[in-house]
Amino acid sequence: MERRTFLALGLASPLALKSGLVSPKWAFSAEDNAIEVSFAADPSAPKVTLWQTPRQTGSQMMGYVFRTATGETVVFDGGTFGDADYLTALLKKHCGGKVDAWIMSHIHSDHFGAFCRIMETNPDALDIKKLYFNFPEQSWLDKYEAYCKGETARFFAAHKRFKGETI
């Protein structure tokens, strides 16, 4: 899907829902902490699925997996280093281990840790096509976010093991 189409659909969807033009059917799965949504009248039509990954450690974290109706998989952040095994298993079980895009919101380990751990322990565990992030350089982080200096350096080291495209 082209970026322009993605953005247009993202902006149009809330308006269509609010206006009543579309009436989604949804279901929640407590087993996998997933919400499945379909906008089609046919119950067998492909569904959009969103997983909110539960934390596997005592730390706060953020990790979401989104699978489109056409089968593309997007990971948002991913969680801490301790969330990596759960996230990897979820992606293998429900998405065949394929990640079309992994988006990092910002450079704190409760968001990028799972990605780092995967790259450190088994960079071939998942087929990750593209990684999206826009982080400051290490020198800026060392000056303004010195409290997480080791973690940010760990991200950049893990990123060097990444074999896909960085955007």
Foldseek 3Di string as FASTA:
>chain_A
DDPVVVVVCVVVVVVCVVVVVFDKDWDADPVQQKIWIDRDPDPVQQTKMKHFHDDPDPDDAGWMWIAHSVQAIEIFQQAALRRQVVSLVVCCVPRVLEHAEYEYPAQDRRRNHNLLNCLVPPLVSHHYAEYEDDYDDLVVCCVPVVVCSVSSVSSVVSVVSHDHYYD
